[in-house]
Amino acid sequence: MKVVIQRLNGLWHLIIGSCRIRTPFLATQDRALVVTYARRAYPGAKIFQRD
């Protein structure tokens, strides 16, 4: 599984396939929080960042 992390409209989003999931983290918060959140929600997924 591939998870892409992207900043959009002031929030971090996780993109999995064609689904966009909004996270509870603001874009001003550290990306490491979002990576930890994604790893907990989707264990074993490859995580990428897109700007």
Protein backbone atom coordinates (compact mmCIF):
# COMPACT_ATOMS: atom_id res chain seq x y z
CA MET A 1 0.00 0.00 0.00
CA LYS A 2 1.18 3.50 -0.80
CA VAL A 3 0.22 6.53 1.31
CA VAL A 4 0.98 10.07 0.11
CA ILE A 5 1.06 12.96 2.57
CA GLN A 6 0.09 16.33 1.15
CA ARG A 7 -0.63 19.82 2.49
CA LEU A 8 -3.91 21.16 1.18
CA ASN A 9 -6.12 24.04 2.33
CA GLY A 10 -4.23 24.48 5.60
CA LEU A 11 -4.46 20.82 6.67
CA TRP A 12 -2.46 17.66 6.10
CA HIS A 13 -4.17 15.02 3.96
CA LEU A 14 -3.42 11.35 3.37
CA ILE A 15 -4.00 10.15 -0.18
CA ILE A 16 -4.56 6.42 -0.58
CA GLY A 17 -5.34 5.45 -4.14
CA SER A 18 -8.11 7.82 -5.21
CA CYS A 19 -9.26 8.58 -1.63
CA ARG A 20 -8.23 11.77 0.15
CA ILE A 21 -8.43 11.56 3.95
CA ARG A 22 -8.21 14.73 6.01
CA THR A 23 -6.08 14.44 9.15
CA PRO A 24 -6.65 16.44 12.35
CA PHE A 25 -3.27 18.19 11.90
CA LEU A 26 -2.82 21.74 10.63
CA ALA A 27 -0.30 22.40 7.85
CA THR A 28 1.76 24.47 10.30
CA GLN A 29 2.35 21.41 12.49
CA ASP A 30 5.35 19.16 12.05
CA ARG A 31 5.23 16.54 9.29
CA ALA A 32 6.62 13.94 11.73
CA LEU A 33 3.28 13.96 13.58
CA VAL A 34 1.46 13.14 10.37
CA VAL A 35 3.91 10.37 9.47
CA THR A 36 3.41 8.80 12.91
CA TYR A 37 -0.36 9.07 12.49
CA ALA A 38 -0.19 7.44 9.03
CA ARG A 39 2.07 4.62 10.24
CA ARG A 40 -0.32 3.88 13.12
CA ALA A 41 -3.40 3.93 10.88
CA TYR A 42 -1.81 2.01 7.97
CA PRO A 43 0.96 -0.27 9.29
CA GLY A 44 3.37 -1.50 6.63
CA ALA A 45 2.45 1.19 4.09
CA LYS A 46 5.07 3.10 2.15
CA ILE A 47 4.75 6.79 2.99
CA PHE A 48 5.62 9.55 0.53
CA GLN A 49 5.35 13.32 0.72
CA ARG A 50 4.02 15.51 -2.07
CA ASP A 51 4.14 19.32 -2.03
